[in-house]
Protein backbone atom coordinates (compact mmCIF):
# COMPACT_ATOMS: atom_id res chain seq x y z
CA UNK A 1 -1.26 -2.34 -25.00
CA UNK A 2 -1.16 -3.31 -21.36
CA UNK A 3 -4.38 -2.77 -19.44
CA UNK A 4 -3.88 -3.55 -15.76
CA UNK A 5 -6.69 -3.88 -13.21
CA UNK A 6 -5.69 -3.12 -9.61
CA UNK A 7 -8.36 -4.50 -7.29
CA UNK A 8 -8.62 -3.33 -3.69
CA UNK A 9 -12.14 -2.75 -2.38
CA UNK A 10 -11.28 -1.34 1.08
CA UNK A 11 -10.23 0.10 3.50
CA UNK A 12 -8.66 3.55 3.74
CA UNK A 13 -5.17 2.58 4.83
CA UNK A 14 -5.02 -0.56 2.68
CA UNK A 15 -5.95 1.39 -0.44
CA UNK A 16 -3.47 4.19 0.17
CA UNK A 17 -0.74 1.63 0.74
CA UNK A 18 -1.30 0.35 -2.82
CA UNK A 19 -0.38 3.74 -4.29
CA UNK A 20 3.41 3.16 -4.27
CA UNK A 21 2.67 0.19 -6.55
CA UNK A 22 0.44 2.34 -8.76
CA UNK A 23 3.22 4.91 -9.10
CA UNK A 24 5.90 2.30 -9.80
CA UNK A 25 3.76 0.57 -12.43
CA UNK A 26 3.11 3.87 -14.19
CA UNK A 27 6.81 4.68 -14.32
CA UNK A 28 7.88 1.18 -15.38
CA UNK A 29 5.13 0.88 -18.02
CA UNK A 30 4.21 4.42 -19.08
CA UNK A 31 2.21 3.08 -22.01
CA UNK A 32 -0.01 0.91 -19.78
CA UNK A 33 -3.62 1.74 -18.94
CA UNK A 34 -3.97 1.41 -15.17
CA UNK A 35 -7.52 0.90 -13.89
CA UNK A 36 -8.25 0.94 -10.15
CA UNK A 37 -11.22 -1.10 -8.88
CA UNK A 38 -12.66 -0.26 -5.46
CA UNK A 39 -15.88 0.44 -3.58
CA UNK A 40 -17.76 3.62 -4.41
CA UNK A 41 -17.16 4.97 -0.87
CA UNK A 42 -13.40 4.49 -1.23
CA UNK A 43 -13.05 5.89 -4.76
CA UNK A 44 -12.13 9.45 -3.60
CA UNK A 45 -8.87 8.05 -2.22
CA UNK A 46 -7.61 7.40 -5.76
CA UNK A 47 -9.94 9.53 -7.90
CA UNK A 48 -7.31 12.25 -8.53
CA UNK A 49 -4.29 9.96 -8.77
CA UNK A 50 -2.51 11.06 -11.98
CA UNK A 51 -1.02 7.61 -12.55
CA UNK A 52 -4.44 6.03 -13.09
CA UNK A 53 -6.36 6.12 -16.35
CA UNK A 54 -9.65 5.26 -14.70
CA UNK A 55 -11.28 4.34 -11.40
CA UNK A 56 -14.08 1.78 -11.62
CA UNK A 57 -16.30 1.77 -8.53
CA UNK A 58 -18.29 -1.15 -7.19
CA UNK A 59 -21.64 0.42 -6.44
CA UNK A 60 -23.52 -0.39 -3.21
CA UNK A 61 -25.42 -3.68 -3.58
CA UNK A 62 -24.08 -4.18 -7.11
CA UNK A 63 -23.72 -7.91 -7.95
CA UNK A 64 -20.10 -8.83 -8.61
CA UNK A 65 -21.06 -10.29 -11.98
CA UNK A 66 -22.21 -6.83 -13.12
CA UNK A 67 -18.87 -5.34 -12.11
CA UNK A 68 -17.11 -8.19 -13.90
CA UNK A 69 -19.04 -7.40 -17.08
CA UNK A 70 -17.97 -3.76 -16.92
CA UNK A 71 -14.35 -4.71 -16.35
CA UNK A 72 -14.33 -7.29 -19.14
CA UNK A 73 -15.42 -4.56 -21.57
CA UNK A 74 -12.07 -2.83 -20.88
CA UNK A 75 -10.20 -5.84 -22.34
CA UNK A 76 -7.69 -6.09 -19.48
CA UNK A 77 -4.42 -7.93 -20.04
CA UNK A 78 -3.49 -8.25 -16.35
CA UNK A 79 -5.36 -8.27 -13.06
CA UNK A 80 -3.67 -7.62 -9.72
CA UNK A 81 -5.72 -8.94 -6.82
CA UNK A 82 -4.57 -6.71 -3.95
CA UNK A 83 -7.43 -7.72 -1.66
CA UNK A 84 -7.59 -11.50 -1.48
CA UNK A 85 -11.29 -11.57 -0.59
CA UNK A 86 -14.23 -13.65 -1.77
CA UNK A 87 -15.32 -10.85 -4.09
CA UNK A 88 -11.90 -10.41 -5.63
CA UNK A 89 -11.67 -14.19 -6.08
CA UNK A 90 -14.97 -14.11 -7.96
CA UNK A 91 -13.60 -11.37 -10.22
CA UNK A 92 -10.65 -13.58 -11.00
CA UNK A 93 -13.06 -16.25 -12.20
CA UNK A 94 -15.32 -13.93 -14.17
CA UNK A 95 -12.84 -11.53 -15.81
CA UNK A 96 -10.50 -13.19 -18.28
CA UNK A 97 -6.94 -11.88 -18.06
CA UNK A 98 -3.66 -12.83 -16.45
CA UNK A 99 -4.30 -12.62 -12.70
CA UNK A 100 -1.85 -12.58 -9.80
CA UNK A 101 -2.02 -11.79 -6.09
CA UNK A 102 0.13 -11.48 -2.98
CA UNK A 103 0.62 -13.44 0.23
CA UNK A 104 -1.20 -12.11 3.28
CA UNK A 105 1.06 -14.03 5.68
CA UNK A 106 -1.89 -15.10 7.82
CA UNK A 107 -0.12 -18.06 9.42
CA UNK A 108 2.80 -16.05 10.90
CA UNK A 109 0.31 -13.43 12.08
CA UNK A 110 -1.87 -16.04 13.79
CA UNK A 111 1.14 -17.68 15.42
CA UNK A 112 2.45 -14.36 16.70
CA UNK A 113 -0.91 -13.46 18.23
CA UNK A 114 -1.62 -16.88 19.74
CA UNK A 115 1.85 -18.02 20.85
CA UNK A 116 4.07 -14.87 20.57
CA UNK A 117 6.42 -16.88 18.33
CA UNK A 118 7.70 -14.71 15.50
CA UNK A 119 7.63 -16.78 12.31
CA UNK A 120 7.94 -13.80 9.99
CA UNK A 121 11.09 -14.24 7.90
CA UNK A 122 11.36 -10.51 7.36
CA UNK A 123 9.45 -7.39 8.33
CA UNK A 124 8.02 -6.46 4.95
CA UNK A 125 5.58 -3.51 4.94
CA UNK A 126 2.20 -4.19 3.35
CA UNK A 127 2.95 -1.52 0.74
CA UNK A 128 5.83 -3.71 -0.47
CA UNK A 129 3.92 -6.98 -0.17
CA UNK A 130 1.54 -5.69 -2.83
CA UNK A 131 4.45 -5.69 -5.28
CA UNK A 132 4.41 -9.50 -5.21
CA UNK A 133 1.29 -9.27 -7.39
CA UNK A 134 3.24 -7.26 -9.98
CA UNK A 135 6.30 -9.51 -10.19
CA UNK A 136 5.38 -10.55 -13.75
CA UNK A 137 5.34 -6.85 -14.70
CA UNK A 138 8.93 -6.32 -13.50
CA UNK A 139 7.95 -3.63 -11.02
CA UNK A 140 9.72 -2.86 -7.75
CA UNK A 141 9.31 -0.35 -4.90
CA UNK A 142 10.87 3.04 -5.58
CA UNK A 143 11.39 3.99 -1.93
CA UNK A 144 8.69 6.65 -2.00
CA UNK A 145 5.69 7.05 0.32
CA UNK A 146 1.98 6.55 -0.41
CA UNK A 147 0.24 9.26 -2.38
CA UNK A 148 -3.13 10.85 -1.62
CA UNK A 149 -3.87 13.32 -4.40
CA UNK A 150 -6.47 15.97 -3.59
CA UNK A 151 -8.92 17.78 -5.79
CA UNK A 152 -9.12 21.56 -5.82
CA UNK A 153 -12.59 21.54 -4.28
CA UNK A 154 -11.40 19.71 -1.17
CA UNK A 155 -8.54 22.13 -0.62
CA UNK A 156 -10.79 25.17 -1.03
CA UNK A 157 -13.45 23.77 1.30
CA UNK A 158 -10.91 23.25 4.10
CA UNK A 159 -9.36 26.68 3.55
CA UNK A 160 -12.80 28.24 3.94
CA UNK A 161 -13.54 26.18 7.08
CA UNK A 162 -10.30 27.28 8.70
CA UNK A 163 -10.85 30.91 7.78
CA UNK A 164 -14.34 30.93 9.29
CA UNK A 165 -12.89 29.69 12.59
CA UNK A 166 -9.92 32.04 12.67
CA UNK A 167 -7.48 29.16 12.11
CA UNK A 168 -6.18 30.05 8.65
CA UNK A 169 -2.76 31.08 9.98
CA UNK A 170 -2.63 28.77 13.00
CA UNK A 171 -0.01 26.10 13.55
CA UNK A 172 -2.30 23.08 13.45
CA UNK A 173 -1.84 19.72 15.14
CA UNK A 174 -4.34 17.19 13.82
CA UNK A 175 -5.55 14.56 16.29
CA UNK A 176 -7.26 11.30 15.30
CA UNK A 177 -8.57 9.71 18.51
CA UNK A 178 -11.07 7.37 16.88
CA UNK A 179 -10.70 3.73 15.82
CA UNK A 180 -13.09 0.99 14.85
CA UNK A 181 -12.04 -1.14 17.84
CA UNK A 182 -11.67 0.07 21.42
CA UNK A 183 -8.26 -1.48 22.08
CA UNK A 184 -6.75 0.72 19.35
CA UNK A 185 -7.95 3.90 21.09
CA UNK A 186 -5.66 5.88 23.36
CA UNK A 187 -7.47 6.84 26.60
CA UNK A 188 -9.63 9.96 26.43
CA UNK A 189 -7.90 11.48 29.47
CA UNK A 190 -4.56 11.13 27.69
CA UNK A 191 -5.91 12.98 24.65
CA UNK A 192 -7.20 15.78 26.87
CA UNK A 193 -3.82 16.14 28.55
CA UNK A 194 -2.07 16.13 25.18
CA UNK A 195 -4.32 18.93 23.92
CA UNK A 196 -3.19 21.12 26.82
CA UNK A 197 0.48 20.35 26.19
CA UNK A 198 0.17 21.02 22.46
CA UNK A 199 -1.59 24.31 23.18
CA UNK A 200 1.23 25.30 25.51
CA UNK A 201 3.64 24.43 22.67
CA UNK A 202 1.97 26.87 20.31
CA UNK A 203 -0.32 24.48 18.42
CA UNK A 204 -4.03 24.66 17.73
CA UNK A 205 -5.26 21.06 17.93
CA UNK A 206 -7.95 19.99 15.45
CA UNK A 207 -9.73 16.68 15.99
CA UNK A 208 -10.41 14.77 12.76
CA UNK A 209 -12.48 11.68 12.09
CA UNK A 210 -15.75 10.42 10.69
CA UNK A 211 -19.33 11.00 11.84
CA UNK A 212 -18.93 8.21 14.39
CA UNK A 213 -16.19 10.25 16.11
CA UNK A 214 -18.27 13.42 16.64
CA UNK A 215 -19.18 12.63 20.25
CA UNK A 216 -15.61 11.88 21.25
CA UNK A 217 -14.35 14.99 19.45
CA UNK A 218 -16.86 17.24 21.23
CA UNK A 219 -15.86 15.70 24.54
CA UNK A 220 -12.22 16.56 23.87
CA UNK A 221 -13.08 20.09 22.77
CA UNK A 222 -15.08 20.62 25.97
CA UNK A 223 -12.37 19.17 28.20
CA UNK A 224 -9.77 21.39 26.55
CA UNK A 225 -11.69 24.57 27.33
CA UNK A 226 -11.81 25.59 23.69
CA UNK A 227 -8.13 24.90 23.02
CA UNK A 228 -9.11 22.41 20.31
CA UNK A 229 -11.49 22.53 17.37
CA UNK A 230 -13.50 19.61 16.01
CA UNK A 231 -13.64 18.67 12.34
CA UNK A 232 -14.91 15.15 13.04
CA UNK A 233 -17.78 14.30 10.72
CA UNK A 234 -17.44 17.63 8.90
CA UNK A 235 -15.44 16.51 5.90
CA UNK A 236 -15.32 14.00 3.07
CA UNK A 237 -12.31 11.72 2.65
CA UNK A 238 -10.59 14.19 0.35
CA UNK A 239 -11.41 17.12 2.60
CA UNK A 240 -9.97 15.26 5.57
CA UNK A 241 -6.83 14.75 3.51
CA UNK A 242 -6.77 18.48 2.77
CA UNK A 243 -7.06 19.24 6.48
CA UNK A 244 -4.18 16.90 7.23
CA UNK A 245 -2.13 18.61 4.52
CA UNK A 246 -2.62 21.93 6.34
CA UNK A 247 -1.47 20.44 9.67
CA UNK A 248 2.09 20.53 10.94
CA UNK A 249 1.72 17.06 12.47
CA UNK A 250 -0.84 14.31 13.07
CA UNK A 251 -1.15 12.24 16.23
CA UNK A 252 -3.05 9.03 15.53
CA UNK A 253 -3.55 5.44 16.50
CA UNK A 254 -3.19 2.56 14.04
CA UNK A 255 -5.91 3.75 11.66
CA UNK A 256 -6.41 4.81 8.05
CA UNK A 257 -6.03 8.50 8.97
CA UNK A 258 -2.38 7.79 9.73
CA UNK A 259 -1.82 6.68 6.11
CA UNK A 260 -3.83 9.61 4.79
CA UNK A 261 -1.40 11.96 6.52
CA UNK A 262 1.62 10.13 5.13
CA UNK A 263 0.00 10.33 1.70
CA UNK A 264 -0.15 14.14 1.83
CA UNK A 265 3.32 14.52 3.36
CA UNK A 266 2.34 15.39 6.94
CA UNK A 267 4.55 13.98 9.73
CA UNK A 268 2.85 11.38 11.95
CA UNK A 269 3.22 10.39 15.58
CA UNK A 270 1.59 6.95 15.64
CA UNK A 271 0.45 5.14 18.79
CA UNK A 272 0.48 1.35 18.46
CA UNK A 273 -1.10 -0.93 21.06
CA UNK A 274 -2.57 -4.35 20.17
CA UNK A 275 -0.86 -4.48 16.76
CA UNK A 276 2.84 -4.65 15.90
CA UNK A 277 5.27 -3.83 13.11
CA UNK A 278 5.35 -7.37 11.74
CA UNK A 279 1.76 -6.97 10.52
CA UNK A 280 3.08 -4.43 8.04
CA UNK A 281 1.01 -1.32 8.74
CA UNK A 282 3.49 1.09 10.32
CA UNK A 283 3.67 4.51 8.60
CA UNK A 284 5.39 3.86 5.28
CA UNK A 285 8.31 5.93 3.95
CA UNK A 286 7.16 9.23 5.44
CA UNK A 287 8.34 11.31 8.40
CA UNK A 288 6.99 9.44 11.42
CA UNK A 289 7.59 8.44 15.02
CA UNK A 290 6.00 5.23 16.33
CA UNK A 291 5.35 4.98 20.07
CA UNK A 292 4.71 1.54 21.54
CA UNK A 293 5.41 -0.43 24.68
CA UNK A 294 7.34 -3.70 24.81
CA UNK A 295 4.87 -5.97 26.59
CA UNK A 296 4.67 -9.77 26.64
CA UNK A 297 0.97 -9.63 25.74
CA UNK A 298 1.52 -7.83 22.43
CA UNK A 299 0.18 -8.44 19.86
CA UNK A 300 -3.23 -9.56 21.09
CA UNK A 301 -5.21 -9.22 17.86
CA UNK A 302 -4.86 -8.50 14.16
CA UNK A 303 -7.00 -5.38 14.10
CA UNK A 304 -8.10 -4.61 17.66
CA UNK A 305 -10.96 -5.85 19.83
CA UNK A 306 -13.76 -4.43 21.95
CA UNK A 307 -11.91 -5.00 25.23
CA UNK A 308 -8.39 -5.78 26.38
CA UNK A 309 -8.09 -9.56 26.83
CA UNK A 310 -6.21 -9.02 30.10
CA UNK A 311 -8.29 -6.07 31.27
CA UNK A 312 -5.46 -3.56 31.73
CA UNK A 313 -4.91 -2.05 28.24
CA UNK A 314 -1.37 -1.15 29.24
CA UNK A 315 -0.18 -1.19 25.63
CA UNK A 316 -1.73 2.24 25.16
CA UNK A 317 -2.36 3.42 28.72
CA UNK A 318 1.38 3.29 29.40
CA UNK A 319 2.11 5.77 26.60
CA UNK A 320 2.03 9.06 28.49
CA UNK A 321 0.86 12.36 26.99
CA UNK A 322 4.24 13.87 27.80
CA UNK A 323 5.91 11.15 25.70
CA UNK A 324 3.66 12.00 22.75
CA UNK A 325 4.25 15.74 23.09
CA UNK A 326 8.00 15.11 23.20
CA UNK A 327 7.75 12.95 20.06
CA UNK A 328 5.87 15.76 18.29
CA UNK A 329 8.59 18.23 19.26
CA UNK A 330 11.37 15.95 17.98
CA UNK A 331 9.61 15.09 14.75
CA UNK A 332 8.86 18.63 13.63
CA UNK A 333 11.93 20.34 15.09
């Protein structure tokens, strides 16, 4: 019997973008045992995926050889390295099975950032690049979106949270203003203006994010005069997914929350600044509108930086709140 390891340790968006491959493998090889390998913190993203037989989590500070021992006990026949990191390379050495990976296309990405020369032969989304690792298993994309399956507890927790705040029947617009790097963040003043416009359009904005986004979320709530609510830092990964599932739309930068929304079927208005479509991380196969500006300086980095290299940050500053509100109206009309 086939036993396939799918290895992707992080991060949120990258993991969710592997789920079309998980689904396609399950349908092409229904007899196969599919085992997902990821970090403990990321395990909730795939814990309830019905196509997986098991999720094996790398514990914090666990030596990779210990993980390899646990995986070897499963007698895998195939290993799909969907990460391409030092740790996944070590697993390939320590766990005996038929391994394969995918091309990250680092050279075209570097050339595009440094010289603005586009050496990409085709614009292949990352979700489809992962299928290169499964070529020997005769598996192809099915045209469907990522999947983020939620447990009952997460759904009930969010329902209770909304009820306590009088939002159970509200038309929610989820906002994700945070990002690991500053150049991926839309200006705070723009978010504040958008909150007012969404309120006037009949939405109740809810700011989502992790604990690191609490301060920004509270700032937006205060600037909106109570028009918005903050859920930043309140929820687990699955609970955040459940909140997104309750929302009519999400407005987000190029972050993992964008892929979480696509995974639960919520339309996304995505704001792209320093990164571009060729990198492969646009919303995949779900209802979405991508707003970006055609500037000679884009792209300026692979994943964002602390400051704009040119000091103006026009890639995101030039996207007006009115443009975003109009995109929301078109997308959910």
